[in-house]
Amino acid sequence: MRIALGVVVPLAAALLQGAVAGLITIGGAFPNLPVLVAASWAVAAGAGEALWWAFVGGLAMDVLSAGPLGAFTVSVLPGTLLAGLGERSPAKPIPVLTGAIAVGVAAVVAQAIYLGILAFLGHPLGALEVALAQTFGVGIYTGALALVIYPLARLGRRLTEKESPF
């Protein structure tokens, strides 16, 4: 079941990112849905599984977007790794607000790395102030959505937890 979740959820997030994220932009900020689901899973279940979620979602975004191939995949992985560091206990999950902050930070990291890759490749980014405001706006927006998505990820982890044969 977790393997299916690790493919279906990031692919759906990438598809929704391409189809809906532009429509729900607020003041130039938009949610980063692949980061939202991967980092939420990282906070709920740890970095190991979540890095696969980030890879699948990032790869799907790279294929669907007009950006440089591989840039989104590379940018999503470090933030997801940071969000998933540390031990995860089903008995004592990370609080929702703390998890949402971790997801927001992961989104800021992903957006900053993506913009850095674009700048390195010579793509025009516009004014630095605007890029910084957008980067933090993406983090705030994604973190706010994590207040709903992270509890769902915790529930998904509990429901798909494997029983130990011992």
Protein backbone atom coordinates (compact mmCIF):
# COMPACT_ATOMS: atom_id res chain seq x y z
CA MET A 1 0.00 0.00 0.00
CA ARG A 2 2.80 2.45 0.83
CA ILE A 3 4.42 1.86 -2.55
CA ALA A 4 1.16 2.75 -4.27
CA LEU A 5 0.85 5.88 -2.10
CA GLY A 6 4.45 6.80 -2.92
CA VAL A 7 3.63 6.82 -6.62
CA VAL A 8 0.02 8.00 -6.82
CA VAL A 9 0.16 10.89 -4.31
CA PRO A 10 3.29 12.62 -5.72
CA LEU A 11 2.04 12.18 -9.30
CA ALA A 12 -1.35 13.64 -8.38
CA ALA A 13 0.40 16.55 -6.61
CA ALA A 14 2.50 17.27 -9.71
CA LEU A 15 -0.57 17.16 -11.94
CA LEU A 16 -2.46 19.48 -9.60
CA GLN A 17 0.55 21.79 -9.46
CA GLY A 18 0.47 22.16 -13.22
CA ALA A 19 -3.31 22.45 -13.46
CA VAL A 20 -4.40 24.36 -10.37
CA ALA A 21 -1.49 26.15 -8.66
CA GLY A 22 -1.53 29.04 -11.10
CA LEU A 23 -5.21 29.60 -10.37
CA ILE A 24 -4.78 29.80 -6.60
CA THR A 25 -1.85 32.22 -6.53
CA ILE A 26 -2.06 34.90 -3.85
CA GLY A 27 0.12 37.97 -4.30
CA GLY A 28 2.59 36.09 -6.49
CA ALA A 29 2.90 33.21 -4.02
CA PHE A 30 1.71 29.75 -4.93
CA PRO A 31 1.71 26.44 -3.10
CA ASN A 32 4.36 23.91 -3.98
CA LEU A 33 2.19 20.79 -3.96
CA PRO A 34 4.90 18.14 -4.64
CA VAL A 35 6.93 19.56 -1.76
CA LEU A 36 3.79 19.73 0.37
CA VAL A 37 3.06 16.01 0.07
CA ALA A 38 6.69 14.81 0.16
CA ALA A 39 7.69 16.97 3.14
CA SER A 40 4.45 16.13 4.98
CA TRP A 41 5.25 12.44 4.53
CA ALA A 42 8.83 13.13 5.64
CA VAL A 43 7.61 14.70 8.88
CA ALA A 44 5.13 11.85 9.42
CA ALA A 45 7.22 8.85 8.39
CA GLY A 46 10.83 10.00 8.06
CA ALA A 47 13.12 10.92 5.22
CA GLY A 48 13.68 7.40 3.84
CA GLU A 49 10.30 6.91 2.19
CA ALA A 50 9.70 10.62 1.66
CA LEU A 51 12.75 11.03 -0.56
CA TRP A 52 11.12 8.63 -3.01
CA TRP A 53 7.96 10.73 -2.86
CA ALA A 54 10.06 13.84 -3.58
CA PHE A 55 11.89 12.12 -6.43
CA VAL A 56 8.67 10.91 -8.09
CA GLY A 57 6.93 14.28 -7.66
CA GLY A 58 10.01 16.21 -8.79
CA LEU A 59 10.49 14.04 -11.84
CA ALA A 60 6.83 14.42 -12.78
CA MET A 61 7.10 18.20 -12.39
CA ASP A 62 10.22 18.26 -14.54
CA VAL A 63 8.43 16.35 -17.30
CA LEU A 64 5.29 18.52 -17.06
CA SER A 65 6.99 21.91 -16.78
CA ALA A 66 8.87 24.02 -19.29
CA GLY A 67 11.79 24.39 -16.88
CA PRO A 68 15.18 22.73 -17.17
CA LEU A 69 14.95 18.94 -16.92
CA GLY A 70 16.03 17.74 -13.49
CA ALA A 71 15.97 21.16 -11.81
CA PHE A 72 12.79 20.57 -9.88
CA THR A 73 13.84 17.07 -8.82
CA VAL A 74 17.17 18.37 -7.52
CA SER A 75 15.51 21.25 -5.69
CA VAL A 76 12.87 19.14 -3.90
CA LEU A 77 15.20 16.55 -2.36
CA PRO A 78 17.21 18.64 0.18
CA GLY A 79 14.15 20.27 1.77
CA THR A 80 12.38 16.93 2.04
CA LEU A 81 15.48 15.42 3.63
CA LEU A 82 15.63 18.25 6.19
CA ALA A 83 11.94 17.84 7.04
CA GLY A 84 12.42 14.11 7.63
CA LEU A 85 15.52 14.17 9.81
CA GLY A 86 15.23 12.59 13.22
CA GLU A 87 13.33 9.68 14.70
CA ARG A 88 9.64 9.16 13.98
CA SER A 89 7.48 7.37 16.51
CA PRO A 90 3.88 6.48 15.70
CA ALA A 91 3.18 6.65 19.44
CA LYS A 92 4.40 10.25 19.72
CA PRO A 93 3.98 12.07 16.40
CA ILE A 94 5.38 15.51 15.71
CA PRO A 95 2.82 18.23 16.59
CA VAL A 96 0.83 19.66 13.67
CA LEU A 97 2.19 23.21 13.97
CA THR A 98 5.78 21.98 14.15
CA GLY A 99 5.19 19.73 11.15
CA ALA A 100 3.64 22.59 9.17
CA ILE A 101 6.64 24.79 9.92
CA ALA A 102 8.99 22.03 8.76
CA VAL A 103 7.00 21.69 5.52
CA GLY A 104 7.11 25.46 5.01
CA VAL A 105 10.88 25.49 5.50
CA ALA A 106 11.20 22.60 3.01
CA ALA A 107 9.24 24.65 0.47
CA VAL A 108 11.49 27.69 1.00
CA VAL A 109 14.58 25.52 0.54
CA ALA A 110 13.16 23.93 -2.62
CA GLN A 111 12.14 27.28 -4.11
CA ALA A 112 15.52 28.87 -3.30
CA ILE A 113 17.43 25.98 -4.87
CA TYR A 114 15.18 26.02 -7.94
CA LEU A 115 15.70 29.77 -8.42
CA GLY A 116 19.45 29.26 -7.90
CA ILE A 117 19.50 26.63 -10.63
CA LEU A 118 17.56 28.92 -12.97
CA ALA A 119 19.98 31.80 -12.24
CA PHE A 120 22.99 29.52 -12.80
CA LEU A 121 21.57 28.48 -16.17
CA GLY A 122 21.08 32.12 -17.17
CA HIS A 123 17.29 32.38 -16.94
CA PRO A 124 16.15 35.91 -16.06
CA LEU A 125 14.63 36.06 -12.58
CA GLY A 126 13.69 39.70 -12.23
CA ALA A 127 14.28 41.81 -9.14
CA LEU A 128 15.93 40.11 -6.17
CA GLU A 129 13.34 41.51 -3.75
CA VAL A 130 10.52 40.01 -5.77
CA ALA A 131 12.25 36.61 -5.97
CA LEU A 132 12.86 36.61 -2.21
CA ALA A 133 9.29 37.64 -1.44
CA GLN A 134 7.98 34.93 -3.75
CA THR A 135 10.27 32.33 -2.19
CA PHE A 136 9.06 33.09 1.33
CA GLY A 137 5.48 33.39 0.07
CA VAL A 138 5.71 29.89 -1.36
CA GLY A 139 6.99 28.64 2.01
CA ILE A 140 4.22 30.35 3.97
CA TYR A 141 1.50 29.19 1.56
CA THR A 142 2.79 25.60 1.49
CA GLY A 143 3.23 25.57 5.28
CA ALA A 144 -0.32 26.82 5.77
CA LEU A 145 -1.66 24.01 3.58
CA ALA A 146 0.42 21.58 5.63
CA LEU A 147 -1.82 22.33 8.60
CA VAL A 148 -4.36 20.15 6.74
CA ILE A 149 -2.13 17.80 4.73
CA TYR A 150 0.36 16.81 7.44
CA PRO A 151 -2.36 15.36 9.73
CA LEU A 152 -3.56 13.34 6.73
CA ALA A 153 -0.01 12.08 6.23
CA ARG A 154 0.14 11.04 9.90
CA LEU A 155 -3.13 9.19 9.46
CA GLY A 156 -1.84 7.56 6.27
CA ARG A 157 1.29 6.41 8.07
CA ARG A 158 -0.75 4.88 10.90
CA LEU A 159 -3.10 3.12 8.50
CA THR A 160 -0.28 1.68 6.39
CA GLU A 161 2.07 0.80 9.25
CA LYS A 162 3.35 -2.73 8.73
CA GLU A 163 2.70 -5.25 11.42
CA SER A 164 5.83 -6.82 12.81
CA PRO A 165 5.93 -10.64 12.46
CA PHE A 166 7.76 -10.91 15.83
